[in-house]
């Protein structure tokens, strides 16, 4: 039963949880990691408010490109903060071990980028 649930979670992440057909769903998954591509451009951030499922203990990678100063906050335990500057192309990884929801936010733009849904 747990294997079926894990396969369903992976399938949802791989299909972007019903995201747009242009591939900008905000999250992709590999067997051992989840990657969220974040673009900050012209005062906006993409994605915004997407839900991305993550299995507890799996690595999460944020790939961030930006044309402005910004702070990315990951409201997990422990919390993570990443500063980006104009022209940056940053890749940061962390592991979420506790089930629940974890918000990833752009601090200066005051926007929730993704909600990481951490499942056991």
PDB file of N, CA and C in Angstrom:
ATOM      1  N   UNK A   1       0.827  -1.189   0.000  1.00  0.00           N
ATOM      2  CA  UNK A   1       0.000   0.000   0.000  1.00  0.00           C
ATOM      3  C   UNK A   1       0.873   1.256   0.000  1.00  0.00           C
ATOM      4  N   UNK A   2       1.952   1.271   0.814  1.00  0.00           N
ATOM      5  CA  UNK A   2       2.832   2.442   0.868  1.00  0.00           C
ATOM      6  C   UNK A   2       3.543   2.652  -0.467  1.00  0.00           C
ATOM      7  N   UNK A   3       3.893   1.546  -1.127  1.00  0.00           N
ATOM      8  CA  UNK A   3       4.565   1.660  -2.424  1.00  0.00           C
ATOM      9  C   UNK A   3       3.624   2.317  -3.430  1.00  0.00           C
ATOM     10  N   UNK A   4       2.359   1.902  -3.427  1.00  0.00           N
ATOM     11  CA  UNK A   4       1.378   2.496  -4.348  1.00  0.00           C
ATOM     12  C   UNK A   4       1.224   3.985  -4.079  1.00  0.00           C
ATOM     13  N   UNK A   5       1.171   4.376  -2.805  1.00  0.00           N
ATOM     14  CA  UNK A   5       1.044   5.792  -2.455  1.00  0.00           C
ATOM     15  C   UNK A   5       2.277   6.567  -2.903  1.00  0.00           C
ATOM     16  N   UNK A   6       3.467   5.974  -2.722  1.00  0.00           N
ATOM     17  CA  UNK A   6       4.703   6.638  -3.135  1.00  0.00           C
ATOM     18  C   UNK A   6       4.742   6.799  -4.653  1.00  0.00           C
ATOM     19  N   UNK A   7       4.310   5.775  -5.381  1.00  0.00           N
ATOM     20  CA  UNK A   7       4.282   5.861  -6.840  1.00  0.00           C
ATOM     21  C   UNK A   7       3.307   6.936  -7.307  1.00  0.00           C
ATOM     22  N   UNK A   8       2.151   7.012  -6.646  1.00  0.00           N
ATOM     23  CA  UNK A   8       1.180   8.050  -6.985  1.00  0.00           C
ATOM     24  C   UNK A   8       1.759   9.430  -6.725  1.00  0.00           C
ATOM     25  N   UNK A   9       2.442   9.610  -5.588  1.00  0.00           N
ATOM     26  CA  UNK A   9       3.043  10.905  -5.262  1.00  0.00           C
ATOM     27  C   UNK A   9       4.077  11.286  -6.313  1.00  0.00           C
ATOM     28  N   UNK A  10       4.914  10.329  -6.708  1.00  0.00           N
ATOM     29  CA  UNK A  10       5.922  10.610  -7.742  1.00  0.00           C
ATOM     30  C   UNK A  10       5.262  10.966  -9.063  1.00  0.00           C
ATOM     31  N   UNK A  11       4.202  10.246  -9.418  1.00  0.00           N
ATOM     32  CA  UNK A  11       3.505  10.527 -10.671  1.00  0.00           C
ATOM     33  C   UNK A  11       2.922  11.931 -10.659  1.00  0.00           C
ATOM     34  N   UNK A  12       2.353  12.339  -9.524  1.00  0.00           N
ATOM     35  CA  UNK A  12       1.789  13.691  -9.431  1.00  0.00           C
ATOM     36  C   UNK A  12       2.855  14.750  -9.562  1.00  0.00           C
ATOM     37  N   UNK A  13       4.024  14.528  -8.935  1.00  0.00           N
ATOM     38  CA  UNK A  13       5.110  15.500  -9.047  1.00  0.00           C
ATOM     39  C   UNK A  13       5.611  15.558 -10.479  1.00  0.00           C
ATOM     40  N   UNK A  14       5.781  14.398 -11.102  1.00  0.00           N
ATOM     41  CA  UNK A  14       6.289  14.367 -12.472  1.00  0.00           C
ATOM     42  C   UNK A  14       5.325  15.025 -13.459  1.00  0.00           C
ATOM     43  N   UNK A  15       4.038  14.969 -13.183  1.00  0.00           N
ATOM     44  CA  UNK A  15       3.070  15.598 -14.073  1.00  0.00           C
ATOM     45  C   UNK A  15       2.757  17.016 -13.637  1.00  0.00           C
ATOM     46  N   UNK A  16       3.417  17.490 -12.589  1.00  0.00           N
ATOM     47  CA  UNK A  16       3.224  18.866 -12.155  1.00  0.00           C
ATOM     48  C   UNK A  16       1.938  19.063 -11.388  1.00  0.00           C
ATOM     49  N   UNK A  17       1.385  18.003 -10.812  1.00  0.00           N
ATOM     50  CA  UNK A  17       0.154  18.096 -10.026  1.00  0.00           C
ATOM     51  C   UNK A  17      -0.924  18.837 -10.789  1.00  0.00           C
ATOM     52  N   UNK A  18      -1.036  18.552 -12.078  1.00  0.00           N
ATOM     53  CA  UNK A  18      -2.060  19.212 -12.887  1.00  0.00           C
ATOM     54  C   UNK A  18      -1.627  20.589 -13.331  1.00  0.00           C
ATOM     55  N   UNK A  19      -0.338  20.842 -13.359  1.00  0.00           N
ATOM     56  CA  UNK A  19       0.175  22.152 -13.734  1.00  0.00           C
ATOM     57  C   UNK A  19      -0.041  22.448 -15.200  1.00  0.00           C
ATOM     58  N   UNK A  20       0.471  23.571 -15.633  1.00  0.00           N
ATOM     59  CA  UNK A  20       0.266  24.021 -16.996  1.00  0.00           C
ATOM     60  C   UNK A  20       0.986  23.129 -17.991  1.00  0.00           C
ATOM     61  N   UNK A  21       0.542  23.161 -19.225  1.00  0.00           N
ATOM     62  CA  UNK A  21       1.117  22.305 -20.245  1.00  0.00           C
ATOM     63  C   UNK A  21       2.428  22.851 -20.781  1.00  0.00           C
ATOM     64  N   UNK A  22       2.836  24.064 -20.378  1.00  0.00           N
ATOM     65  CA  UNK A  22       4.079  24.619 -20.896  1.00  0.00           C
ATOM     66  C   UNK A  22       5.286  24.167 -20.094  1.00  0.00           C
ATOM     67  N   UNK A  23       5.092  23.255 -19.123  1.00  0.00           N
ATOM     68  CA  UNK A  23       6.197  22.709 -18.360  1.00  0.00           C
ATOM     69  C   UNK A  23       6.608  23.575 -17.186  1.00  0.00           C
ATOM     70  N   UNK A  24       5.916  24.677 -16.909  1.00  0.00           N
ATOM     71  CA  UNK A  24       6.305  25.574 -15.827  1.00  0.00           C
ATOM     72  C   UNK A  24       5.565  25.234 -14.541  1.00  0.00           C
ATOM     73  N   UNK A  25       5.517  23.941 -14.213  1.00  0.00           N
ATOM     74  CA  UNK A  25       4.762  23.494 -13.052  1.00  0.00           C
ATOM     75  C   UNK A  25       5.465  23.789 -11.742  1.00  0.00           C
ATOM     76  N   UNK A  26       6.747  24.125 -11.755  1.00  0.00           N
ATOM     77  CA  UNK A  26       7.433  24.506 -10.539  1.00  0.00           C
ATOM     78  C   UNK A  26       8.175  23.392  -9.854  1.00  0.00           C
ATOM     79  N   UNK A  27       7.979  22.150 -10.244  1.00  0.00           N
ATOM     80  CA  UNK A  27       8.701  21.077  -9.586  1.00  0.00           C
ATOM     81  C   UNK A  27       8.866  19.888 -10.492  1.00  0.00           C
ATOM     82  N   UNK A  28      10.035  19.254 -10.406  1.00  0.00           N
ATOM     83  CA  UNK A  28      10.258  18.008 -11.110  1.00  0.00           C
ATOM     84  C   UNK A  28      10.838  17.037 -10.100  1.00  0.00           C
ATOM     85  N   UNK A  29      10.782  15.769 -10.421  1.00  0.00           N
ATOM     86  CA  UNK A  29      11.237  14.769  -9.475  1.00  0.00           C
ATOM     87  C   UNK A  29      12.123  13.756 -10.168  1.00  0.00           C
ATOM     88  N   UNK A  30      13.139  13.337  -9.458  1.00  0.00           N
ATOM     89  CA  UNK A  30      13.944  12.202  -9.858  1.00  0.00           C
ATOM     90  C   UNK A  30      13.753  11.170  -8.755  1.00  0.00           C
ATOM     91  N   UNK A  31      14.339   9.998  -8.911  1.00  0.00           N
ATOM     92  CA  UNK A  31      14.127   8.954  -7.924  1.00  0.00           C
ATOM     93  C   UNK A  31      14.494   9.415  -6.515  1.00  0.00           C
ATOM     94  N   UNK A  32      15.587  10.130  -6.356  1.00  0.00           N
ATOM     95  CA  UNK A  32      16.065  10.477  -5.026  1.00  0.00           C
ATOM     96  C   UNK A  32      15.944  11.954  -4.685  1.00  0.00           C
ATOM     97  N   UNK A  33      15.415  12.774  -5.552  1.00  0.00           N
ATOM     98  CA  UNK A  33      15.395  14.210  -5.270  1.00  0.00           C
ATOM     99  C   UNK A  33      14.214  14.884  -5.952  1.00  0.00           C
ATOM    100  N   UNK A  34      13.874  16.046  -5.429  1.00  0.00           N
ATOM    101  CA  UNK A  34      12.882  16.920  -6.046  1.00  0.00           C
ATOM    102  C   UNK A  34      13.592  18.225  -6.340  1.00  0.00           C
ATOM    103  N   UNK A  35      13.421  18.738  -7.551  1.00  0.00           N
ATOM    104  CA  UNK A  35      14.017  20.013  -7.927  1.00  0.00           C
ATOM    105  C   UNK A  35      12.919  21.008  -8.246  1.00  0.00           C
ATOM    106  N   UNK A  36      13.039  22.205  -7.677  1.00  0.00           N
ATOM    107  CA  UNK A  36      12.108  23.285  -7.951  1.00  0.00           C
ATOM    108  C   UNK A  36      12.893  24.397  -8.650  1.00  0.00           C
ATOM    109  N   UNK A  37      12.506  24.706  -9.880  1.00  0.00           N
ATOM    110  CA  UNK A  37      13.124  25.793 -10.632  1.00  0.00           C
ATOM    111  C   UNK A  37      12.386  27.083 -10.306  1.00  0.00           C
ATOM    112  N   UNK A  38      13.125  28.077  -9.807  1.00  0.00           N
ATOM    113  CA  UNK A  38      12.555  29.359  -9.394  1.00  0.00           C
ATOM    114  C   UNK A  38      13.172  30.451 -10.255  1.00  0.00           C
ATOM    115  N   UNK A  39      12.310  31.271 -10.869  1.00  0.00           N
ATOM    116  CA  UNK A  39      12.777  32.389 -11.686  1.00  0.00           C
ATOM    117  C   UNK A  39      12.203  33.675 -11.114  1.00  0.00           C
ATOM    118  N   UNK A  40      13.101  34.599 -10.793  1.00  0.00           N
ATOM    119  CA  UNK A  40      12.705  35.934 -10.336  1.00  0.00           C
ATOM    120  C   UNK A  40      13.086  36.895 -11.447  1.00  0.00           C
ATOM    121  N   UNK A  41      12.052  37.519 -12.063  1.00  0.00           N
ATOM    122  CA  UNK A  41      12.304  38.385 -13.208  1.00  0.00           C
ATOM    123  C   UNK A  41      11.243  39.473 -13.271  1.00  0.00           C
ATOM    124  N   UNK A  42      11.693  40.697 -13.476  1.00  0.00           N
ATOM    125  CA  UNK A  42      10.793  41.845 -13.651  1.00  0.00           C
ATOM    126  C   UNK A  42       9.790  41.988 -12.500  1.00  0.00           C
ATOM    127  N   UNK A  43      10.269  41.773 -11.263  1.00  0.00           N
ATOM    128  CA  UNK A  43       9.420  41.962 -10.094  1.00  0.00           C
ATOM    129  C   UNK A  43       8.427  40.852  -9.827  1.00  0.00           C
ATOM    130  N   UNK A  44       8.577  39.723 -10.521  1.00  0.00           N
ATOM    131  CA  UNK A  44       7.669  38.591 -10.332  1.00  0.00           C
ATOM    132  C   UNK A  44       8.488  37.327 -10.114  1.00  0.00           C
ATOM    133  N   UNK A  45       7.856  36.347  -9.481  1.00  0.00           N
ATOM    134  CA  UNK A  45       8.510  35.064  -9.254  1.00  0.00           C
ATOM    135  C   UNK A  45       7.643  33.950  -9.832  1.00  0.00           C
ATOM    136  N   UNK A  46       8.308  32.975 -10.428  1.00  0.00           N
ATOM    137  CA  UNK A  46       7.644  31.801 -10.985  1.00  0.00           C
ATOM    138  C   UNK A  46       8.345  30.574 -10.420  1.00  0.00           C
ATOM    139  N   UNK A  47       7.636  29.597  -9.918  1.00  0.00           N
ATOM    140  CA  UNK A  47       6.181  29.485  -9.810  1.00  0.00           C
ATOM    141  C   UNK A  47       5.665  30.292  -8.622  1.00  0.00           C
ATOM    142  N   UNK A  48       4.354  30.310  -8.476  1.00  0.00           N
ATOM    143  CA  UNK A  48       3.706  30.958  -7.335  1.00  0.00           C
ATOM    144  C   UNK A  48       2.610  30.055  -6.796  1.00  0.00           C
ATOM    145  N   UNK A  49       2.759  29.651  -5.539  1.00  0.00           N
ATOM    146  CA  UNK A  49       1.720  28.906  -4.843  1.00  0.00           C
ATOM    147  C   UNK A  49       1.539  27.456  -5.244  1.00  0.00           C
ATOM    148  N   UNK A  50       2.429  26.916  -6.026  1.00  0.00           N
ATOM    149  CA  UNK A  50       2.297  25.506  -6.437  1.00  0.00           C
ATOM    150  C   UNK A  50       2.537  24.595  -5.239  1.00  0.00           C
ATOM    151  N   UNK A  51       1.912  23.417  -5.273  1.00  0.00           N
ATOM    152  CA  UNK A  51       2.129  22.387  -4.257  1.00  0.00           C
ATOM    153  C   UNK A  51       2.999  21.307  -4.890  1.00  0.00           C
ATOM    154  N   UNK A  52       4.071  20.952  -4.187  1.00  0.00           N
ATOM    155  CA  UNK A  52       4.993  19.932  -4.675  1.00  0.00           C
ATOM    156  C   UNK A  52       5.144  18.875  -3.589  1.00  0.00           C
ATOM    157  N   UNK A  53       4.830  17.634  -3.924  1.00  0.00           N
ATOM    158  CA  UNK A  53       4.944  16.543  -2.957  1.00  0.00           C
ATOM    159  C   UNK A  53       6.385  16.069  -2.865  1.00  0.00           C
ATOM    160  N   UNK A  54       6.795  15.800  -1.604  1.00  0.00           N
ATOM    161  CA  UNK A  54       8.153  15.345  -1.321  1.00  0.00           C
ATOM    162  C   UNK A  54       8.062  14.223  -0.298  1.00  0.00           C
ATOM    163  N   UNK A  55       8.745  13.139  -0.541  1.00  0.00           N
ATOM    164  CA  UNK A  55       8.798  12.072   0.443  1.00  0.00           C
ATOM    165  C   UNK A  55       9.793  12.467   1.534  1.00  0.00           C
ATOM    166  N   UNK A  56       9.413  12.307   2.799  1.00  0.00           N
ATOM    167  CA  UNK A  56      10.300  12.634   3.917  1.00  0.00           C
ATOM    168  C   UNK A  56      11.637  11.919   3.740  1.00  0.00           C
ATOM    169  N   UNK A  57      12.714  12.647   3.955  1.00  0.00           N
ATOM    170  CA  UNK A  57      14.052  12.093   3.813  1.00  0.00           C
ATOM    171  C   UNK A  57      14.651  12.272   2.434  1.00  0.00           C
ATOM    172  N   UNK A  58      13.867  12.720   1.471  1.00  0.00           N
ATOM    173  CA  UNK A  58      14.377  12.967   0.114  1.00  0.00           C
ATOM    174  C   UNK A  58      14.994  14.355   0.035  1.00  0.00           C
ATOM    175  N   UNK A  59      15.949  14.498  -0.826  1.00  0.00           N
ATOM    176  CA  UNK A  59      16.605  15.783  -1.035  1.00  0.00           C
ATOM    177  C   UNK A  59      15.723  16.706  -1.869  1.00  0.00           C
ATOM    178  N   UNK A  60      15.718  17.985  -1.493  1.00  0.00           N
ATOM    179  CA  UNK A  60      15.024  19.015  -2.259  1.00  0.00           C
ATOM    180  C   UNK A  60      16.089  19.991  -2.752  1.00  0.00           C
ATOM    181  N   UNK A  61      16.058  20.295  -4.047  1.00  0.00           N
ATOM    182  CA  UNK A  61      16.992  21.247  -4.626  1.00  0.00           C
ATOM    183  C   UNK A  61      16.217  22.427  -5.180  1.00  0.00           C
ATOM    184  N   UNK A  62      16.645  23.630  -4.797  1.00  0.00           N
ATOM    185  CA  UNK A  62      16.089  24.850  -5.366  1.00  0.00           C
ATOM    186  C   UNK A  62      17.099  25.379  -6.370  1.00  0.00           C
ATOM    187  N   UNK A  63      16.662  25.543  -7.608  1.00  0.00           N
ATOM    188  CA  UNK A  63      17.498  26.149  -8.647  1.00  0.00           C
ATOM    189  C   UNK A  63      16.909  27.533  -8.900  1.00  0.00           C
ATOM    190  N   UNK A  64      17.650  28.575  -8.513  1.00  0.00           N
ATOM    191  CA  UNK A  64      17.131  29.942  -8.497  1.00  0.00           C
ATOM    192  C   UNK A  64      17.910  30.810  -9.467  1.00  0.00           C
ATOM    193  N   UNK A  65      17.182  31.476 -10.376  1.00  0.00           N
ATOM    194  CA  UNK A  65      17.785  32.514 -11.214  1.00  0.00           C
ATOM    195  C   UNK A  65      17.043  33.807 -10.902  1.00  0.00           C
ATOM    196  N   UNK A  66      17.809  34.921 -10.899  1.00  0.00           N
ATOM    197  CA  UNK A  66      17.198  36.171 -10.458  1.00  0.00           C
ATOM    198  C   UNK A  66      17.801  37.371 -11.171  1.00  0.00           C
ATOM    199  N   UNK A  67      16.937  38.378 -11.381  1.00  0.00           N
ATOM    200  CA  UNK A  67      17.418  39.652 -11.915  1.00  0.00           C
ATOM    201  C   UNK A  67      17.346  40.750 -10.847  1.00  0.00           C
ATOM    202  N   UNK A  68      17.153  40.335  -9.563  1.00  0.00           N
ATOM    203  CA  UNK A  68      17.011  41.307  -8.472  1.00  0.00           C
ATOM    204  C   UNK A  68      17.523  40.708  -7.167  1.00  0.00           C
ATOM    205  N   UNK A  69      17.773  41.581  -6.190  1.00  0.00           N
ATOM    206  CA  UNK A  69      18.095  41.128  -4.841  1.00  0.00           C
ATOM    207  C   UNK A  69      16.852  40.473  -4.243  1.00  0.00           C
ATOM    208  N   UNK A  70      17.031  39.301  -3.645  1.00  0.00           N
ATOM    209  CA  UNK A  70      15.904  38.607  -3.022  1.00  0.00           C
ATOM    210  C   UNK A  70      16.437  37.648  -1.968  1.00  0.00           C
ATOM    211  N   UNK A  71      15.596  37.351  -1.010  1.00  0.00           N
ATOM    212  CA  UNK A  71      15.877  36.330  -0.006  1.00  0.00           C
ATOM    213  C   UNK A  71      14.825  35.243  -0.152  1.00  0.00           C
ATOM    214  N   UNK A  72      15.278  34.014  -0.273  1.00  0.00           N
ATOM    215  CA  UNK A  72      14.377  32.874  -0.341  1.00  0.00           C
ATOM    216  C   UNK A  72      14.378  32.225   1.036  1.00  0.00           C
ATOM    217  N   UNK A  73      13.192  32.103   1.635  1.00  0.00           N
ATOM    218  CA  UNK A  73      13.056  31.499   2.957  1.00  0.00           C
ATOM    219  C   UNK A  73      12.344  30.159   2.828  1.00  0.00           C
ATOM    220  N   UNK A  74      12.935  29.129   3.435  1.00  0.00           N
ATOM    221  CA  UNK A  74      12.319  27.815   3.509  1.00  0.00           C
ATOM    222  C   UNK A  74      11.911  27.630   4.964  1.00  0.00           C
ATOM    223  N   UNK A  75      10.609  27.628   5.235  1.00  0.00           N
ATOM    224  CA  UNK A  75      10.097  27.580   6.600  1.00  0.00           C
ATOM    225  C   UNK A  75       9.949  26.138   7.076  1.00  0.00           C
ATOM    226  N   UNK A  76      11.118  25.509   7.254  1.00  0.00           N
ATOM    227  CA  UNK A  76      11.186  24.128   7.734  1.00  0.00           C
ATOM    228  C   UNK A  76      11.877  24.146   9.096  1.00  0.00           C
ATOM    229  N   UNK A  77      12.112  22.969   9.642  1.00  0.00           N
ATOM    230  CA  UNK A  77      12.845  22.860  10.900  1.00  0.00           C
ATOM    231  C   UNK A  77      14.042  21.963  10.670  1.00  0.00           C
ATOM    232  N   UNK A  78      15.252  22.531  10.550  1.00  0.00           N
ATOM    233  CA  UNK A  78      15.601  23.944  10.689  1.00  0.00           C
ATOM    234  C   UNK A  78      15.233  24.732   9.428  1.00  0.00           C
ATOM    235  N   UNK A  79      15.108  26.050   9.612  1.00  0.00           N
ATOM    236  CA  UNK A  79      14.812  26.929   8.483  1.00  0.00           C
ATOM    237  C   UNK A  79      16.060  27.132   7.635  1.00  0.00           C
ATOM    238  N   UNK A  80      15.822  27.487   6.366  1.00  0.00           N
ATOM    239  CA  UNK A  80      16.920  27.781   5.441  1.00  0.00           C
ATOM    240  C   UNK A  80      16.639  29.123   4.797  1.00  0.00           C
ATOM    241  N   UNK A  81      17.685  29.917   4.609  1.00  0.00           N
ATOM    242  CA  UNK A  81      17.559  31.201   3.913  1.00  0.00           C
ATOM    243  C   UNK A  81      18.676  31.293   2.876  1.00  0.00           C
ATOM    244  N   UNK A  82      18.293  31.741   1.679  1.00  0.00           N
ATOM    245  CA  UNK A  82      19.259  31.881   0.604  1.00  0.00           C
ATOM    246  C   UNK A  82      19.120  33.274   0.012  1.00  0.00           C
ATOM    247  N   UNK A  83      20.232  34.005  -0.063  1.00  0.00           N
ATOM    248  CA  UNK A  83      20.225  35.330  -0.672  1.00  0.00           C
ATOM    249  C   UNK A  83      20.659  35.208  -2.116  1.00  0.00           C
ATOM    250  N   UNK A  84      19.944  35.906  -2.996  1.00  0.00           N
ATOM    251  CA  UNK A  84      20.326  35.945  -4.400  1.00  0.00           C
ATOM    252  C   UNK A  84      20.473  37.398  -4.829  1.00  0.00           C
ATOM    253  N   UNK A  85      21.347  37.608  -5.781  1.00  0.00           N
ATOM    254  CA  UNK A  85      21.642  38.933  -6.329  1.00  0.00           C
ATOM    255  C   UNK A  85      21.322  38.936  -7.821  1.00  0.00           C
ATOM    256  N   UNK A  86      21.185  40.105  -8.410  1.00  0.00           N
ATOM    257  CA  UNK A  86      20.923  40.173  -9.852  1.00  0.00           C
ATOM    258  C   UNK A  86      21.979  39.384 -10.642  1.00  0.00           C
ATOM    259  N   UNK A  87      21.497  38.569 -11.568  1.00  0.00           N
ATOM    260  CA  UNK A  87      22.387  37.762 -12.409  1.00  0.00           C
ATOM    261  C   UNK A  87      22.755  36.425 -11.802  1.00  0.00           C
ATOM    262  N   UNK A  88      22.329  36.171 -10.563  1.00  0.00           N
ATOM    263  CA  UNK A  88      22.663  34.904  -9.906  1.00  0.00           C
ATOM    264  C   UNK A  88      21.953  33.719 -10.548  1.00  0.00           C
ATOM    265  N   UNK A  89      22.644  32.600 -10.522  1.00  0.00           N
ATOM    266  CA  UNK A  89      22.113  31.295 -10.894  1.00  0.00           C
ATOM    267  C   UNK A  89      22.577  30.367  -9.779  1.00  0.00           C
ATOM    268  N   UNK A  90      21.697  30.144  -8.791  1.00  0.00           N
ATOM    269  CA  UNK A  90      22.051  29.486  -7.536  1.00  0.00           C
ATOM    270  C   UNK A  90      21.356  28.138  -7.436  1.00  0.00           C
ATOM    271  N   UNK A  91      22.077  27.145  -6.943  1.00  0.00           N
ATOM    272  CA  UNK A  91      21.490  25.843  -6.659  1.00  0.00           C
ATOM    273  C   UNK A  91      21.778  25.513  -5.202  1.00  0.00           C
ATOM    274  N   UNK A  92      20.713  25.288  -4.425  1.00  0.00           N
ATOM    275  CA  UNK A  92      20.818  24.960  -3.003  1.00  0.00           C
ATOM    276  C   UNK A  92      19.989  23.722  -2.721  1.00  0.00           C
ATOM    277  N   UNK A  93      20.516  22.827  -1.866  1.00  0.00           N
ATOM    278  CA  UNK A  93      19.807  21.589  -1.536  1.00  0.00           C
ATOM    279  C   UNK A  93      19.685  21.424  -0.034  1.00  0.00           C
ATOM    280  N   UNK A  94      18.616  20.733   0.367  1.00  0.00           N
ATOM    281  CA  UNK A  94      18.377  20.423   1.764  1.00  0.00           C
ATOM    282  C   UNK A  94      17.476  19.195   1.811  1.00  0.00           C
ATOM    283  N   UNK A  95      17.338  18.611   2.998  1.00  0.00           N
ATOM    284  CA  UNK A  95      16.500  17.430   3.183  1.00  0.00           C
ATOM    285  C   UNK A  95      15.431  17.745   4.215  1.00  0.00           C
ATOM    286  N   UNK A  96      14.205  17.368   3.918  1.00  0.00           N
ATOM    287  CA  UNK A  96      13.083  17.547   4.840  1.00  0.00           C
ATOM    288  C   UNK A  96      12.751  16.189   5.445  1.00  0.00           C
ATOM    289  N   UNK A  97      12.783  16.116   6.774  1.00  0.00           N
ATOM    290  CA  UNK A  97      12.585  14.835   7.446  1.00  0.00           C
ATOM    291  C   UNK A  97      11.230  14.709   8.131  1.00  0.00           C
ATOM    292  N   UNK A  98      10.575  15.841   8.399  1.00  0.00           N
ATOM    293  CA  UNK A  98       9.330  15.831   9.154  1.00  0.00           C
ATOM    294  C   UNK A  98       8.133  16.033   8.232  1.00  0.00           C
ATOM    295  N   UNK A  99       7.166  15.105   8.251  1.00  0.00           N
ATOM    296  CA  UNK A  99       5.964  15.271   7.423  1.00  0.00           C
ATOM    297  C   UNK A  99       5.217  16.558   7.772  1.00  0.00           C
ATOM    298  N   UNK A 100       4.574  17.129   6.769  1.00  0.00           N
ATOM    299  CA  UNK A 100       3.805  18.359   6.934  1.00  0.00           C
ATOM    300  C   UNK A 100       3.979  19.247   5.722  1.00  0.00           C
ATOM    301  N   UNK A 101       3.621  20.523   5.860  1.00  0.00           N
ATOM    302  CA  UNK A 101       3.762  21.471   4.759  1.00  0.00           C
ATOM    303  C   UNK A 101       4.861  22.470   5.087  1.00  0.00           C
ATOM    304  N   UNK A 102       5.676  22.758   4.091  1.00  0.00           N
ATOM    305  CA  UNK A 102       6.791  23.687   4.233  1.00  0.00           C
ATOM    306  C   UNK A 102       6.659  24.749   3.153  1.00  0.00           C
ATOM    307  N   UNK A 103       6.525  25.995   3.565  1.00  0.00           N
ATOM    308  CA  UNK A 103       6.415  27.099   2.612  1.00  0.00           C
ATOM    309  C   UNK A 103       7.813  27.553   2.188  1.00  0.00           C
ATOM    310  N   UNK A 104       7.949  27.795   0.895  1.00  0.00           N
ATOM    311  CA  UNK A 104       9.154  28.423   0.341  1.00  0.00           C
ATOM    312  C   UNK A 104       8.700  29.775  -0.173  1.00  0.00           C
ATOM    313  N   UNK A 105       9.285  30.855   0.369  1.00  0.00           N
ATOM    314  CA  UNK A 105       8.810  32.200   0.080  1.00  0.00           C
ATOM    315  C   UNK A 105       9.917  33.115  -0.428  1.00  0.00           C
ATOM    316  N   UNK A 106       9.507  34.065  -1.268  1.00  0.00           N
ATOM    317  CA  UNK A 106      10.373  35.175  -1.682  1.00  0.00           C
ATOM    318  C   UNK A 106      10.080  36.307  -0.696  1.00  0.00           C
ATOM    319  N   UNK A 107      11.060  36.630   0.138  1.00  0.00           N
ATOM    320  CA  UNK A 107      10.839  37.563   1.244  1.00  0.00           C
ATOM    321  C   UNK A 107      10.499  38.978   0.766  1.00  0.00           C
ATOM    322  N   UNK A 108      11.328  39.560  -0.103  1.00  0.00           N
ATOM    323  CA  UNK A 108      11.104  40.948  -0.538  1.00  0.00           C
ATOM    324  C   UNK A 108       9.815  41.091  -1.361  1.00  0.00           C
ATOM    325  N   UNK A 109       9.514  40.105  -2.191  1.00  0.00           N
ATOM    326  CA  UNK A 109       8.300  40.147  -3.002  1.00  0.00           C
ATOM    327  C   UNK A 109       7.071  39.706  -2.209  1.00  0.00           C
ATOM    328  N   UNK A 110       7.286  39.131  -1.017  1.00  0.00           N
ATOM    329  CA  UNK A 110       6.209  38.670  -0.147  1.00  0.00           C
ATOM    330  C   UNK A 110       5.267  37.724  -0.892  1.00  0.00           C
ATOM    331  N   UNK A 111       5.876  36.665  -1.487  1.00  0.00           N
ATOM    332  CA  UNK A 111       5.143  35.706  -2.303  1.00  0.00           C
ATOM    333  C   UNK A 111       5.524  34.289  -1.875  1.00  0.00           C
ATOM    334  N   UNK A 112       4.525  33.415  -1.770  1.00  0.00           N
ATOM    335  CA  UNK A 112       4.795  32.001  -1.558  1.00  0.00           C
ATOM    336  C   UNK A 112       5.094  31.394  -2.928  1.00  0.00           C
ATOM    337  N   UNK A 113       6.297  30.834  -3.021  1.00  0.00           N
ATOM    338  CA  UNK A 113       6.734  30.248  -4.288  1.00  0.00           C
ATOM    339  C   UNK A 113       6.130  28.851  -4.442  1.00  0.00           C
ATOM    340  N   UNK A 114       6.378  27.993  -3.462  1.00  0.00           N
ATOM    341  CA  UNK A 114       5.804  26.647  -3.444  1.00  0.00           C
ATOM    342  C   UNK A 114       5.487  26.252  -2.014  1.00  0.00           C
ATOM    343  N   UNK A 115       4.564  25.316  -1.907  1.00  0.00           N
ATOM    344  CA  UNK A 115       4.290  24.621  -0.649  1.00  0.00           C
ATOM    345  C   UNK A 115       4.814  23.207  -0.860  1.00  0.00           C
ATOM    346  N   UNK A 116       5.847  22.832  -0.107  1.00  0.00           N
ATOM    347  CA  UNK A 116       6.361  21.476  -0.172  1.00  0.00           C
ATOM    348  C   UNK A 116       5.511  20.624   0.767  1.00  0.00           C
ATOM    349  N   UNK A 117       4.853  19.619   0.225  1.00  0.00           N
ATOM    350  CA  UNK A 117       4.008  18.725   1.012  1.00  0.00           C
ATOM    351  C   UNK A 117       4.842  17.498   1.307  1.00  0.00           C
ATOM    352  N   UNK A 118       5.340  17.415   2.547  1.00  0.00           N
ATOM    353  CA  UNK A 118       6.245  16.349   2.950  1.00  0.00           C
ATOM    354  C   UNK A 118       5.425  15.190   3.500  1.00  0.00           C
ATOM    355  N   UNK A 119       5.557  14.043   2.844  1.00  0.00           N
ATOM    356  CA  UNK A 119       4.778  12.858   3.206  1.00  0.00           C
ATOM    357  C   UNK A 119       5.698  11.790   3.776  1.00  0.00           C
ATOM    358  N   UNK A 120       5.178  11.015   4.738  1.00  0.00           N
ATOM    359  CA  UNK A 120       6.006   9.946   5.356  1.00  0.00           C
ATOM    360  C   UNK A 120       6.381   8.864   4.358  1.00  0.00           C
TER     361      UNK A 120
END
